[in-house]
Amino acid sequence: MGSAASLREDEPVLLSVKDVEDARLQDHFQKQLKRNQELLHRATTQSDIIGYQAQAPFAQPIMQAKLDGLQCLGDANASFCGDQRRCVGHSEVYLEQLAVGGNITALTALDRAHLACASTEGQIWVYNWREDRIVSQLRSSSVVLADEDGNPEVCRVRRMQTLTEDARVLGSTDERGMVCLWDLFDMSMIAESRFHEKACTSIKPDYWRQSFATTGEDSAVILYDLAQEQVRERFLPPPRTCGNGVPNTCLGLGGDRFPNLLITGGADGKLRIWDQSISLKRMHTIQIGSVLPTQAFTIGWQVIISASFGDSSYSGMRPDRGGVYVYDLRMLAEGHSHKTGALVVKYPSGISHADELNAKEASSMRSSMKSSRSRGSARSAKSTSASRMATETGIGAMDLAIVEEGNSKIAVSLMDNVVKTFDLGTGEEIPVDETRKSIKSPPMWEFDAVEKVERDYASTSVLTAYDRYVFVGTTAPSLQIWRRPLASRHGHNDFVPPPLPPLELRQRCLPLALNAHDVPPEACLADPILRPGMSLQSARQALEADRNRWALRAPHEVLKA
């Protein structure tokens, strides 16, 4: 018996377990060593920058450039922009990225001074709009593929989103279904992988699980774990079920209050609610209408959906103009069977005043389209692809951003090529009542950002907001930075406040080509006087104007002396 026991103790199974434990300890040590080296590298980089304090690591390259002898050029640029603001009210900046890459297709705000931008040709760069500088170029080119008809088409970036709370990791999705992770500290790519067979239409972070979720036109939903660096779950609707073959156009998460909820919007105008506590399980499906959802956000018990002009090939109904919809997330989470009871308020497209709201309810779809101010309403929905419906028609809410002002939440939407804002309230809970009726409401105010500074042919393509600043990308191509007025209103219940003032233009970015042959036709149409070295020519003209003013004042000063 003793010899048999000794043989069992020397079995190779125990040796394999020991090897696994040694490998696990080695991986742990390597992970800790990599983390310590990362902290040491960060401390070394920050110690080289003397006299500057930056909360965002992606702001450090511009500081290093200042210490290398470019401070005088930065002062001249800042002084010239200050002169422009005093003279015309806003500054004009010329960027090479707009001339090479085309109009902006995706925007995301990193902090109070930095923007991550992506253009039509696939370039991605970080822009410091307060100092008028390009901080870094993440991607300079894109792979050219063929579209559905076999024609060559540039792979564009669809969405970008910061995936960590410190805004260090940036995620981007494109038309190929690729998801790229960028480290904004080292300005390098962390990972790149193809998540979807078709275009990846949305990416949203899940800070609670240290992961993110993506969806695309292949109807798949993928959950990726950032800590483990692997796909946690991939769900594809089974054949002949609801959602199979329907492109998903937006995605949202339940937030801190409902961390297990996941929301997807399809091209058939349906909102699907999922539970991801154990595995993805559909809890409820609600029909928004014959619309195309474009964005989804959650604030407490509210879920805000923006929707554009619908596609009848997927919904099977007459297309609707869309708008901004606010649903009660508590009713969706509990799985109420009433399809419209969860809708709290709707901001329809094509409505600017309360009088037009009643007129629209009595009019037909055709008459409401003719009376719209949207420039895109003249365009017909020629393509049946869900990826182009939201951007080519120009009807409905094409983009959406949520900002906070005091205790109130404000939705800034790009609707009918016009910037509109909606007051979402303070988030106070209302009683859950299945019999309550939803209300329709006009926007707080609207403003045509393109009509003020661009030509008639240009239209807005993308929008984002941070604090009081609204960033608008146009097809000129240009990037406009506006400062919105305070929306807080004080007074008694019968007090009728005056209308809010319009947006204030702070900066306008135009394309700048280094060579004459690099100037695209669209840029020449947007600015006929655009030529290489335009910013230097403007500085020389300003200097000559200063000399002329000094020559006029000098004789009078001599006589007084």
Protein backbone atom coordinates (compact mmCIF):
# COMPACT_ATOMS: atom_id res chain seq x y z
CA MET A 1 0.00 0.00 0.00
CA GLY A 2 2.86 2.35 0.82
CA SER A 3 4.43 1.86 -2.61
CA ALA A 4 1.09 2.49 -4.34
CA ALA A 5 0.61 5.73 -2.38
CA SER A 6 4.11 6.90 -3.31
CA LEU A 7 3.37 6.20 -6.96
CA ARG A 8 0.18 8.23 -6.80
CA GLU A 9 2.09 11.14 -5.30
CA ASP A 10 4.55 11.10 -8.20
CA GLU A 11 1.82 11.18 -10.89
CA PRO A 12 2.42 13.72 -13.72
CA VAL A 13 -0.92 15.40 -12.95
CA LEU A 14 0.61 17.11 -9.93
CA LEU A 15 3.52 18.28 -12.05
CA SER A 16 1.14 19.87 -14.58
CA VAL A 17 -0.68 21.73 -11.80
CA LYS A 18 2.65 23.03 -10.52
CA ASP A 19 3.53 24.25 -14.04
CA VAL A 20 0.22 26.09 -14.29
CA GLU A 21 0.77 27.79 -10.94
CA ASP A 22 4.28 28.82 -11.94
CA ALA A 23 2.98 30.24 -15.23
CA ARG A 24 0.24 32.14 -13.41
CA LEU A 25 2.74 33.66 -10.99
CA GLN A 26 5.03 34.57 -13.88
CA ASP A 27 2.14 36.30 -15.66
CA HIS A 28 1.28 38.17 -12.47
CA PHE A 29 4.87 39.34 -12.04
CA GLN A 30 5.08 40.45 -15.68
CA LYS A 31 1.81 42.35 -15.36
CA GLN A 32 3.01 44.14 -12.23
CA LEU A 33 6.38 44.89 -13.87
CA LYS A 34 4.63 46.32 -16.94
CA ARG A 35 2.45 48.49 -14.72
CA ASN A 36 5.44 49.78 -12.74
CA GLN A 37 7.32 50.57 -15.94
CA GLU A 38 4.28 52.42 -17.22
CA LEU A 39 4.06 54.54 -14.07
CA LEU A 40 7.80 55.23 -14.24
CA HIS A 41 7.53 56.27 -17.90
CA ARG A 42 4.61 58.58 -17.08
CA ALA A 43 6.52 60.19 -14.22
CA THR A 44 9.58 60.63 -16.44
CA THR A 45 7.53 62.28 -19.19
CA GLN A 46 5.81 64.64 -16.79
CA SER A 47 9.06 65.55 -15.03
CA ASP A 48 10.52 66.81 -18.33
CA ILE A 49 7.72 69.34 -18.66
CA ILE A 50 8.69 72.01 -16.17
CA GLY A 51 6.22 74.71 -15.31
CA TYR A 52 3.19 73.07 -16.95
CA GLN A 53 0.40 71.09 -15.37
CA ALA A 54 -1.84 68.92 -17.53
CA GLN A 55 -4.62 66.64 -16.36
CA ALA A 56 -4.91 65.06 -19.82
CA PRO A 57 -1.84 63.09 -20.97
CA PHE A 58 -2.60 63.81 -24.63
CA ALA A 59 -1.91 67.51 -23.96
CA GLN A 60 1.78 66.88 -23.23
CA PRO A 61 3.20 66.79 -26.79
CA ILE A 62 2.14 70.37 -27.40
CA MET A 63 3.80 71.42 -24.13
CA GLN A 64 6.99 69.67 -25.10
CA ALA A 65 6.94 71.56 -28.42
CA LYS A 66 6.69 74.83 -26.52
CA LEU A 67 9.73 73.98 -24.46
CA ASP A 68 11.67 73.14 -27.62
CA GLY A 69 11.54 76.73 -28.86
CA LEU A 70 8.09 77.16 -30.43
CA GLN A 71 6.76 79.45 -27.70
CA CYS A 72 7.21 82.62 -29.80
CA LEU A 73 5.22 81.09 -32.68
CA GLY A 74 2.50 80.07 -30.27
CA ASP A 75 2.31 83.59 -28.87
CA ALA A 76 2.03 85.04 -32.38
CA ASN A 77 -0.72 82.59 -33.28
CA ALA A 78 -2.63 83.36 -30.08
CA SER A 79 -2.28 87.11 -30.64
CA PHE A 80 -3.51 86.81 -34.23
CA CYS A 81 -6.54 84.78 -33.13
CA GLY A 82 -7.23 87.34 -30.41
CA ASP A 83 -7.20 90.11 -33.02
CA GLN A 84 -9.65 88.14 -35.14
CA ARG A 85 -12.04 87.70 -32.22
CA ARG A 86 -11.96 91.41 -31.47
CA CYS A 87 -12.45 92.31 -35.13
CA VAL A 88 -15.01 89.81 -36.46
CA GLY A 89 -16.10 88.04 -33.26
CA HIS A 90 -14.43 84.69 -33.98
CA SER A 91 -11.11 83.28 -35.11
CA GLU A 92 -10.41 81.39 -38.31
CA VAL A 93 -7.88 78.55 -38.24
CA TYR A 94 -6.59 76.61 -41.24
CA LEU A 95 -5.91 72.90 -40.76
CA GLU A 96 -4.09 70.64 -43.17
CA GLN A 97 -6.13 67.63 -41.99
CA LEU A 98 -9.35 69.09 -43.42
CA ALA A 99 -7.77 69.58 -46.85
CA VAL A 100 -6.34 66.07 -47.00
CA GLY A 101 -9.07 64.13 -45.23
CA GLY A 102 -12.27 65.94 -46.24
CA ASN A 103 -15.24 66.70 -44.03
CA ILE A 104 -15.47 65.39 -40.48
CA THR A 105 -17.53 62.23 -39.95
CA ALA A 106 -17.05 61.59 -36.21
CA LEU A 107 -16.37 63.81 -33.19
CA THR A 108 -15.88 63.20 -29.50
CA ALA A 109 -14.87 65.63 -26.76
CA LEU A 110 -11.99 64.49 -24.55
CA ASP A 111 -11.96 67.39 -22.08
CA ARG A 112 -12.52 71.15 -22.03
CA ALA A 113 -9.83 71.79 -24.65
CA HIS A 114 -9.33 68.69 -26.80
CA LEU A 115 -11.34 67.01 -29.55
CA ALA A 116 -10.84 63.69 -31.29
CA CYS A 117 -11.80 64.09 -34.97
CA ALA A 118 -12.14 61.65 -37.86
CA SER A 119 -12.51 62.66 -41.50
CA THR A 120 -13.96 61.12 -44.64
CA GLU A 121 -10.65 59.64 -45.80
CA GLY A 122 -10.21 57.80 -42.48
CA GLN A 123 -7.73 60.08 -40.72
CA ILE A 124 -7.97 60.45 -36.94
CA TRP A 125 -6.33 63.28 -35.05
CA VAL A 126 -6.55 65.09 -31.68
CA TYR A 127 -7.14 68.83 -31.88
CA ASN A 128 -6.58 71.40 -29.12
CA TRP A 129 -9.12 74.05 -30.11
CA ARG A 130 -8.19 76.48 -27.34
CA GLU A 131 -4.61 76.77 -28.63
CA ASP A 132 -5.42 76.09 -32.31
CA ARG A 133 -2.98 73.19 -32.59
CA ILE A 134 -3.02 69.59 -33.74
CA VAL A 135 -1.74 67.60 -30.79
CA SER A 136 -1.27 64.26 -32.53
CA GLN A 137 -2.14 62.29 -35.65
CA LEU A 138 -3.44 58.85 -34.69
CA ARG A 139 -4.17 57.57 -38.19
CA SER A 140 -3.06 59.29 -41.39
CA SER A 141 -4.70 57.11 -44.04
CA SER A 142 -7.34 54.48 -44.56
CA VAL A 143 -7.73 51.29 -46.55
CA VAL A 144 -9.68 51.67 -49.79
CA LEU A 145 -12.29 48.94 -50.22
CA ALA A 146 -15.22 48.32 -52.56
CA ASP A 147 -18.80 49.18 -51.69
CA GLU A 148 -21.91 47.07 -52.29
CA ASP A 149 -21.89 47.89 -56.03
CA GLY A 150 -18.19 47.16 -56.48
CA ASN A 151 -17.12 50.78 -56.68
CA PRO A 152 -13.98 51.82 -54.75
CA GLU A 153 -14.89 53.47 -51.48
CA VAL A 154 -12.79 54.85 -48.66
CA CYS A 155 -13.31 53.19 -45.31
CA ARG A 156 -14.72 55.92 -43.06
CA VAL A 157 -14.79 56.06 -39.29
CA ARG A 158 -18.36 55.75 -38.02
CA ARG A 159 -18.11 56.37 -34.27
CA MET A 160 -15.51 57.27 -31.66
CA GLN A 161 -15.84 57.06 -27.90
CA THR A 162 -13.57 57.21 -24.85
CA LEU A 163 -13.66 53.81 -23.14
CA THR A 164 -12.11 54.67 -19.75
CA GLU A 165 -13.07 57.23 -17.14
CA ASP A 166 -9.74 59.06 -17.44
CA ALA A 167 -10.25 59.40 -21.23
CA ARG A 168 -7.01 57.59 -21.90
CA VAL A 169 -8.30 54.81 -24.19
CA LEU A 170 -10.16 55.89 -27.33
CA GLY A 171 -12.21 53.44 -29.38
CA SER A 172 -13.05 53.93 -33.06
CA THR A 173 -15.23 51.94 -35.44
CA ASP A 174 -15.30 52.03 -39.23
CA GLU A 175 -17.09 50.72 -42.31
CA ARG A 176 -15.10 47.48 -42.37
CA GLY A 177 -16.39 46.41 -38.97
CA MET A 178 -12.98 47.07 -37.43
CA VAL A 179 -12.63 48.30 -33.86
CA CYS A 180 -9.38 50.11 -32.98
CA LEU A 181 -8.22 50.98 -29.47
CA TRP A 182 -5.90 53.98 -29.16
CA ASP A 183 -3.73 54.93 -26.20
CA LEU A 184 -3.88 58.72 -25.97
CA PHE A 185 -0.99 58.77 -23.51
CA ASP A 186 1.57 57.18 -25.83
CA MET A 187 -0.32 58.15 -29.01
CA SER A 188 -0.21 54.57 -30.24
CA MET A 189 -2.62 51.81 -31.23
CA ILE A 190 -3.32 49.25 -28.52
CA ALA A 191 -5.30 46.75 -30.55
CA GLU A 192 -7.15 46.39 -33.83
CA SER A 193 -9.59 43.62 -34.64
CA ARG A 194 -12.56 42.98 -36.87
CA PHE A 195 -15.60 42.66 -34.65
CA HIS A 196 -18.36 42.71 -37.28
CA GLU A 197 -18.79 41.44 -40.81
CA LYS A 198 -20.32 44.75 -41.89
CA ALA A 199 -20.01 48.32 -40.67
CA CYS A 200 -19.71 48.82 -36.92
CA THR A 201 -22.27 51.51 -36.11
CA SER A 202 -21.88 52.12 -32.37
CA ILE A 203 -19.49 51.64 -29.45
CA LYS A 204 -20.29 52.43 -25.81
CA PRO A 205 -18.18 52.00 -22.64
CA ASP A 206 -19.25 50.06 -19.54
CA TYR A 207 -17.20 51.55 -16.72
CA TRP A 208 -18.80 49.31 -14.12
CA ARG A 209 -17.49 46.12 -15.78
CA GLN A 210 -14.35 47.67 -17.33
CA SER A 211 -15.57 46.68 -20.76
CA PHE A 212 -17.34 48.07 -23.80
CA ALA A 213 -20.09 46.97 -26.18
CA THR A 214 -20.35 47.27 -29.95
CA THR A 215 -23.00 46.60 -32.56
CA GLY A 216 -23.16 46.81 -36.32
CA GLU A 217 -25.11 46.26 -39.50
CA ASP A 218 -24.65 42.49 -39.20
CA SER A 219 -27.15 42.52 -36.26
CA ALA A 220 -24.48 41.24 -33.85
CA VAL A 221 -23.83 42.58 -30.34
CA ILE A 222 -20.35 42.05 -28.89
CA LEU A 223 -19.23 42.59 -25.28
CA TYR A 224 -15.48 43.03 -24.86
CA ASP A 225 -13.60 42.88 -21.55
CA LEU A 226 -10.79 45.46 -21.40
CA ALA A 227 -9.19 43.92 -18.31
CA GLN A 228 -9.01 40.38 -19.74
CA GLU A 229 -8.47 41.65 -23.31
CA GLN A 230 -10.94 39.20 -24.79
CA VAL A 231 -14.52 39.00 -26.06
CA ARG A 232 -16.85 38.24 -23.20
CA GLU A 233 -19.90 37.42 -25.31
CA ARG A 234 -21.10 37.66 -28.89
CA PHE A 235 -24.80 37.42 -29.67
CA LEU A 236 -26.39 37.09 -33.10
CA PRO A 237 -30.19 36.73 -33.46
CA PRO A 238 -31.08 33.21 -34.64
CA PRO A 239 -32.55 32.81 -38.13
CA ARG A 240 -36.25 33.62 -38.55
CA THR A 241 -36.38 35.56 -35.30
CA CYS A 242 -37.03 39.21 -34.57
CA GLY A 243 -33.92 41.22 -35.36
CA ASN A 244 -32.22 38.72 -37.63
CA GLY A 245 -30.91 40.44 -40.74
CA VAL A 246 -31.89 43.88 -39.43
CA PRO A 247 -28.95 46.33 -39.14
CA ASN A 248 -28.41 47.78 -35.69
CA THR A 249 -27.79 51.52 -35.90
CA CYS A 250 -27.29 52.57 -32.25
CA LEU A 251 -26.51 51.13 -28.85
CA GLY A 252 -26.86 52.28 -25.25
CA LEU A 253 -26.21 50.99 -21.73
CA GLY A 254 -28.37 51.28 -18.64
CA GLY A 255 -25.88 53.33 -16.61
CA ASP A 256 -25.34 53.26 -12.86
CA ARG A 257 -28.98 52.67 -11.99
CA PHE A 258 -29.57 49.81 -14.44
CA PRO A 259 -26.08 48.36 -14.99
CA ASN A 260 -27.38 45.10 -16.48
CA LEU A 261 -29.48 46.68 -19.21
CA LEU A 262 -28.34 47.00 -22.81
CA ILE A 263 -30.36 48.82 -25.48
CA THR A 264 -30.07 48.39 -29.26
CA GLY A 265 -31.94 50.26 -31.97
CA GLY A 266 -32.53 48.64 -35.35
CA ALA A 267 -33.24 49.92 -38.84
CA ASP A 268 -36.79 48.53 -38.51
CA GLY A 269 -37.58 51.23 -35.94
CA LYS A 270 -37.57 48.86 -32.97
CA LEU A 271 -35.89 49.34 -29.61
CA ARG A 272 -34.69 46.07 -28.09
CA ILE A 273 -33.92 45.78 -24.38
CA TRP A 274 -31.39 43.16 -23.22
CA ASP A 275 -30.26 41.80 -19.87
CA GLN A 276 -26.51 41.13 -19.66
CA SER A 277 -26.29 40.02 -16.01
CA ILE A 278 -25.41 36.43 -16.94
CA SER A 279 -25.73 36.31 -20.71
CA LEU A 280 -27.51 38.46 -23.26
CA LYS A 281 -31.23 37.83 -22.97
CA ARG A 282 -33.93 39.90 -24.61
CA MET A 283 -36.42 41.30 -22.13
CA HIS A 284 -38.60 43.60 -24.18
CA THR A 285 -39.09 45.03 -27.68
CA ILE A 286 -40.77 48.35 -28.34
CA GLN A 287 -41.75 49.86 -31.69
CA ILE A 288 -40.57 53.47 -31.96
CA GLY A 289 -42.02 53.91 -35.42
CA SER A 290 -40.86 53.80 -39.02
CA VAL A 291 -37.66 55.64 -38.11
CA LEU A 292 -33.92 55.00 -38.06
CA PRO A 293 -32.38 55.33 -34.56
CA THR A 294 -29.06 57.16 -34.57
CA GLN A 295 -28.06 57.65 -30.91
CA ALA A 296 -29.06 56.29 -27.49
CA PHE A 297 -28.23 57.73 -24.05
CA THR A 298 -29.42 56.92 -20.53
CA ILE A 299 -29.77 59.40 -17.67
CA GLY A 300 -31.11 57.87 -14.48
CA TRP A 301 -34.52 56.44 -15.32
CA GLN A 302 -34.67 58.08 -18.76
CA VAL A 303 -33.43 56.76 -22.07
CA ILE A 304 -33.11 59.34 -24.85
CA ILE A 305 -33.29 58.13 -28.45
CA SER A 306 -32.60 60.23 -31.53
CA ALA A 307 -34.04 58.96 -34.81
CA SER A 308 -33.77 60.02 -38.43
CA PHE A 309 -35.89 59.40 -41.52
CA GLY A 310 -37.07 55.79 -41.59
CA ASP A 311 -36.47 53.04 -44.14
CA SER A 312 -39.69 51.36 -45.28
CA SER A 313 -37.81 48.35 -46.65
CA TYR A 314 -37.11 47.25 -43.08
CA SER A 315 -40.11 48.59 -41.17
CA GLY A 316 -42.78 47.81 -43.76
CA MET A 317 -44.57 51.09 -42.98
CA ARG A 318 -44.66 54.61 -44.32
CA PRO A 319 -41.44 56.37 -43.26
CA ASP A 320 -41.62 58.82 -40.38
CA ARG A 321 -39.48 61.93 -39.96
CA GLY A 322 -38.26 60.88 -36.53
CA GLY A 323 -37.05 63.21 -33.79
CA VAL A 324 -35.95 62.83 -30.18
CA TYR A 325 -37.80 60.35 -27.93
CA VAL A 326 -37.63 60.04 -24.14
CA TYR A 327 -38.68 56.70 -22.63
CA ASP A 328 -39.14 55.58 -19.04
CA LEU A 329 -36.39 53.05 -18.47
CA ARG A 330 -38.13 51.63 -15.41
CA MET A 331 -41.04 50.39 -17.49
CA LEU A 332 -38.71 48.98 -20.13
CA ALA A 333 -36.67 47.21 -17.47
CA GLU A 334 -39.76 45.63 -15.92
CA GLY A 335 -40.95 44.40 -19.31
CA HIS A 336 -44.34 46.08 -19.58
CA SER A 337 -46.32 44.83 -22.53
CA HIS A 338 -47.79 48.25 -23.36
CA LYS A 339 -45.89 49.46 -26.42
CA THR A 340 -46.33 53.21 -25.96
CA GLY A 341 -46.73 53.52 -22.20
CA ALA A 342 -42.99 53.90 -21.72
CA LEU A 343 -42.84 56.99 -23.96
CA VAL A 344 -42.70 60.12 -21.79
CA VAL A 345 -42.18 62.93 -24.30
CA LYS A 346 -41.49 63.22 -28.02
CA TYR A 347 -39.79 66.09 -29.84
CA PRO A 348 -40.89 65.62 -33.47
CA SER A 349 -38.76 66.56 -36.43
CA GLY A 350 -39.72 69.64 -38.44
CA ILE A 351 -41.29 71.43 -35.45
CA SER A 352 -39.98 74.76 -34.17
CA HIS A 353 -43.00 76.24 -32.36
CA ALA A 354 -46.05 74.96 -30.54
CA ASP A 355 -48.35 76.29 -33.28
CA GLU A 356 -46.60 74.14 -35.85
CA LEU A 357 -47.09 71.11 -33.61
CA ASN A 358 -50.87 71.22 -33.93
CA ALA A 359 -50.64 71.92 -37.65
CA LYS A 360 -48.38 68.93 -38.20
CA GLU A 361 -50.78 66.56 -36.48
CA ALA A 362 -53.51 67.56 -38.92
CA SER A 363 -51.32 67.52 -42.02
CA SER A 364 -50.08 64.61 -44.06
CA MET A 365 -46.54 63.32 -44.33
CA ARG A 366 -46.07 64.89 -47.75
CA SER A 367 -47.13 68.37 -46.71
CA SER A 368 -44.98 68.29 -43.60
CA MET A 369 -41.94 67.39 -45.70
CA LYS A 370 -42.59 70.33 -48.04
CA SER A 371 -42.94 72.78 -45.16
CA SER A 372 -39.70 71.67 -43.50
CA ARG A 373 -36.68 73.94 -43.33
CA SER A 374 -34.36 71.03 -43.84
CA ARG A 375 -32.07 71.27 -46.83
CA GLY A 376 -31.86 67.52 -46.93
CA SER A 377 -35.60 67.11 -47.47
CA ALA A 378 -35.06 67.85 -51.16
CA ARG A 379 -32.90 64.76 -51.42
CA SER A 380 -34.56 61.42 -52.05
CA ALA A 381 -33.70 58.25 -50.18
CA LYS A 382 -32.09 56.52 -53.14
CA SER A 383 -29.99 54.09 -51.15
CA THR A 384 -31.51 51.38 -48.97
CA SER A 385 -28.39 50.99 -46.86
CA ALA A 386 -29.02 51.89 -43.23
CA SER A 387 -25.52 53.33 -42.93
CA ARG A 388 -26.37 56.12 -45.40
CA MET A 389 -29.96 56.90 -44.53
CA ALA A 390 -29.10 59.04 -41.52
CA THR A 391 -26.44 61.11 -43.25
CA GLU A 392 -27.74 61.57 -46.81
CA THR A 393 -31.38 62.50 -46.24
CA GLY A 394 -30.78 65.20 -43.63
CA ILE A 395 -34.24 64.61 -42.16
CA GLY A 396 -34.75 63.98 -38.47
CA ALA A 397 -32.27 63.81 -35.61
CA MET A 398 -28.95 62.79 -37.15
CA ASP A 399 -26.84 63.19 -34.01
CA LEU A 400 -27.33 63.82 -30.29
CA ALA A 401 -25.29 64.94 -27.27
CA ILE A 402 -26.23 65.30 -23.60
CA VAL A 403 -24.83 68.11 -21.43
CA GLU A 404 -25.51 69.24 -17.87
CA GLU A 405 -26.32 72.76 -16.76
CA GLY A 406 -26.71 72.99 -13.01
CA ASN A 407 -29.22 70.33 -11.99
CA SER A 408 -30.83 70.17 -15.42
CA LYS A 409 -29.99 67.92 -18.35
CA ILE A 410 -30.08 69.35 -21.86
CA ALA A 411 -30.17 67.39 -25.10
CA VAL A 412 -28.35 69.09 -28.00
CA SER A 413 -29.47 67.55 -31.27
CA LEU A 414 -28.59 67.96 -34.92
CA MET A 415 -32.11 67.82 -36.34
CA ASP A 416 -33.05 68.80 -39.90
CA ASN A 417 -29.54 70.26 -40.37
CA VAL A 418 -30.30 72.68 -37.52
CA VAL A 419 -28.96 72.66 -33.95
CA LYS A 420 -31.87 72.24 -31.52
CA THR A 421 -31.89 71.91 -27.74
CA PHE A 422 -34.41 70.19 -25.49
CA ASP A 423 -34.78 70.50 -21.73
CA LEU A 424 -34.84 67.03 -20.14
CA GLY A 425 -35.50 68.39 -16.65
CA THR A 426 -33.71 67.68 -13.41
CA GLY A 427 -34.33 63.93 -13.54
CA GLU A 428 -36.96 63.90 -10.79
CA GLU A 429 -38.87 60.66 -10.90
CA ILE A 430 -42.48 60.66 -11.97
CA PRO A 431 -44.94 57.95 -10.85
CA VAL A 432 -44.94 54.83 -13.00
CA ASP A 433 -48.40 54.80 -14.53
CA GLU A 434 -49.30 52.58 -17.45
CA THR A 435 -52.31 54.73 -18.35
CA ARG A 436 -50.41 58.00 -18.71
CA LYS A 437 -50.26 59.56 -22.16
CA SER A 438 -47.11 60.74 -23.84
CA ILE A 439 -46.79 64.39 -24.78
CA LYS A 440 -45.29 66.16 -27.78
CA SER A 441 -43.22 69.25 -27.22
CA PRO A 442 -41.30 71.72 -29.42
CA PRO A 443 -37.60 72.44 -28.80
CA MET A 444 -36.39 75.16 -26.46
CA TRP A 445 -34.69 76.92 -29.35
CA GLU A 446 -33.07 76.16 -32.67
CA PHE A 447 -30.21 77.71 -34.57
CA ASP A 448 -28.95 77.20 -38.12
CA ALA A 449 -25.19 77.12 -37.63
CA VAL A 450 -24.39 76.63 -41.32
CA GLU A 451 -26.55 79.43 -42.70
CA LYS A 452 -24.69 82.04 -40.66
CA VAL A 453 -21.17 81.35 -41.92
CA GLU A 454 -21.27 78.82 -44.77
CA ARG A 455 -22.71 78.86 -48.26
CA ASP A 456 -26.13 77.48 -49.19
CA TYR A 457 -24.90 74.16 -50.54
CA ALA A 458 -23.15 73.13 -47.30
CA SER A 459 -24.88 71.13 -44.60
CA THR A 460 -24.03 69.81 -41.15
CA SER A 461 -22.75 66.26 -40.87
CA VAL A 462 -21.89 65.61 -37.21
CA LEU A 463 -22.31 67.24 -33.80
CA THR A 464 -21.02 66.90 -30.26
CA ALA A 465 -21.15 69.08 -27.16
CA TYR A 466 -19.18 69.61 -23.99
CA ASP A 467 -20.28 71.99 -21.25
CA ARG A 468 -21.44 75.20 -23.01
CA TYR A 469 -19.59 74.53 -26.26
CA VAL A 470 -21.14 72.91 -29.33
CA PHE A 471 -18.87 71.45 -32.03
CA VAL A 472 -20.37 71.14 -35.51
CA GLY A 473 -18.76 69.50 -38.52
CA THR A 474 -19.98 70.58 -41.96
CA THR A 475 -19.55 69.40 -45.53
CA ALA A 476 -17.77 72.64 -46.53
CA PRO A 477 -15.52 71.04 -45.11
CA SER A 478 -15.13 72.95 -41.87
CA LEU A 479 -15.29 72.62 -38.10
CA GLN A 480 -17.33 75.20 -36.20
CA ILE A 481 -17.05 75.79 -32.46
CA TRP A 482 -20.01 77.61 -30.89
CA ARG A 483 -20.79 78.70 -27.36
CA ARG A 484 -24.42 78.28 -26.43
CA PRO A 485 -26.28 80.63 -24.06
CA LEU A 486 -27.34 79.64 -20.58
CA ALA A 487 -30.70 77.90 -20.70
CA SER A 488 -31.65 78.45 -17.05
CA ARG A 489 -34.90 80.35 -16.61
CA HIS A 490 -36.09 81.91 -13.36
CA GLY A 491 -39.52 83.31 -12.50
CA HIS A 492 -43.04 82.34 -11.48
CA ASN A 493 -45.19 79.85 -13.37
CA ASP A 494 -47.03 82.50 -15.42
CA PHE A 495 -43.84 84.28 -16.44
CA VAL A 496 -43.10 84.06 -20.16
CA PRO A 497 -39.31 84.23 -20.56
CA PRO A 498 -37.79 85.96 -23.57
CA PRO A 499 -36.35 83.79 -26.35
CA LEU A 500 -32.83 82.59 -25.83
CA PRO A 501 -30.09 84.36 -27.80
CA PRO A 502 -28.44 82.46 -30.66
CA LEU A 503 -25.19 80.57 -30.49
CA GLU A 504 -21.97 82.59 -30.46
CA LEU A 505 -19.32 81.51 -32.95
CA ARG A 506 -15.93 81.20 -31.29
CA GLN A 507 -13.83 79.47 -33.93
CA ARG A 508 -14.04 78.23 -37.51
CA CYS A 509 -11.55 75.72 -38.87
CA LEU A 510 -10.99 75.64 -42.65
CA PRO A 511 -8.83 73.36 -44.82
CA LEU A 512 -5.25 74.34 -45.57
CA ALA A 513 -3.28 72.63 -48.37
CA LEU A 514 0.50 72.63 -48.46
CA ASN A 515 0.55 72.24 -52.24
CA ALA A 516 -1.74 73.70 -54.89
CA HIS A 517 -2.75 70.29 -56.25
CA ASP A 518 -3.83 69.14 -52.76
CA VAL A 519 -6.68 71.66 -52.61
CA PRO A 520 -9.91 69.66 -53.10
CA PRO A 521 -12.73 71.11 -55.23
CA GLU A 522 -15.05 71.20 -52.22
CA ALA A 523 -12.58 73.34 -50.31
CA CYS A 524 -12.27 75.80 -53.21
CA LEU A 525 -16.05 76.11 -53.35
CA ALA A 526 -16.21 76.69 -49.60
CA ASP A 527 -13.48 79.35 -49.70
CA PRO A 528 -12.51 80.61 -53.20
CA ILE A 529 -9.49 82.50 -51.86
CA LEU A 530 -8.06 79.37 -50.22
CA ARG A 531 -4.48 78.82 -51.29
CA PRO A 532 -1.38 77.27 -49.72
CA GLY A 533 0.01 79.51 -47.00
CA MET A 534 -3.27 81.30 -46.41
CA SER A 535 -2.67 81.67 -42.67
CA LEU A 536 0.72 83.34 -43.29
CA GLN A 537 -0.86 85.67 -45.84
CA SER A 538 -3.55 86.64 -43.33
CA ALA A 539 -0.91 87.39 -40.71
CA ARG A 540 0.98 89.60 -43.20
CA GLN A 541 -2.21 91.47 -44.09
CA ALA A 542 -2.91 92.09 -40.43
CA LEU A 543 0.65 93.33 -39.93
CA GLU A 544 0.31 95.69 -42.91
CA ALA A 545 -2.98 97.02 -41.50
CA ASP A 546 -1.25 97.71 -38.18
CA ARG A 547 1.53 99.60 -39.99
CA ASN A 548 -1.02 101.69 -41.87
CA ARG A 549 -2.80 102.62 -38.67
CA TRP A 550 0.50 103.56 -37.04
CA ALA A 551 1.45 105.72 -40.06
CA LEU A 552 -1.85 107.61 -39.72
CA ARG A 553 -1.39 108.22 -36.02
CA ALA A 554 2.34 109.06 -36.10
CA PRO A 555 2.11 112.60 -37.64
CA HIS A 556 -0.46 113.69 -35.07
CA GLU A 557 1.70 112.40 -32.25
CA VAL A 558 4.70 114.28 -33.69
CA LEU A 559 2.76 117.56 -33.85
CA LYS A 560 1.56 117.12 -30.27
CA ALA A 561 5.12 116.51 -29.15
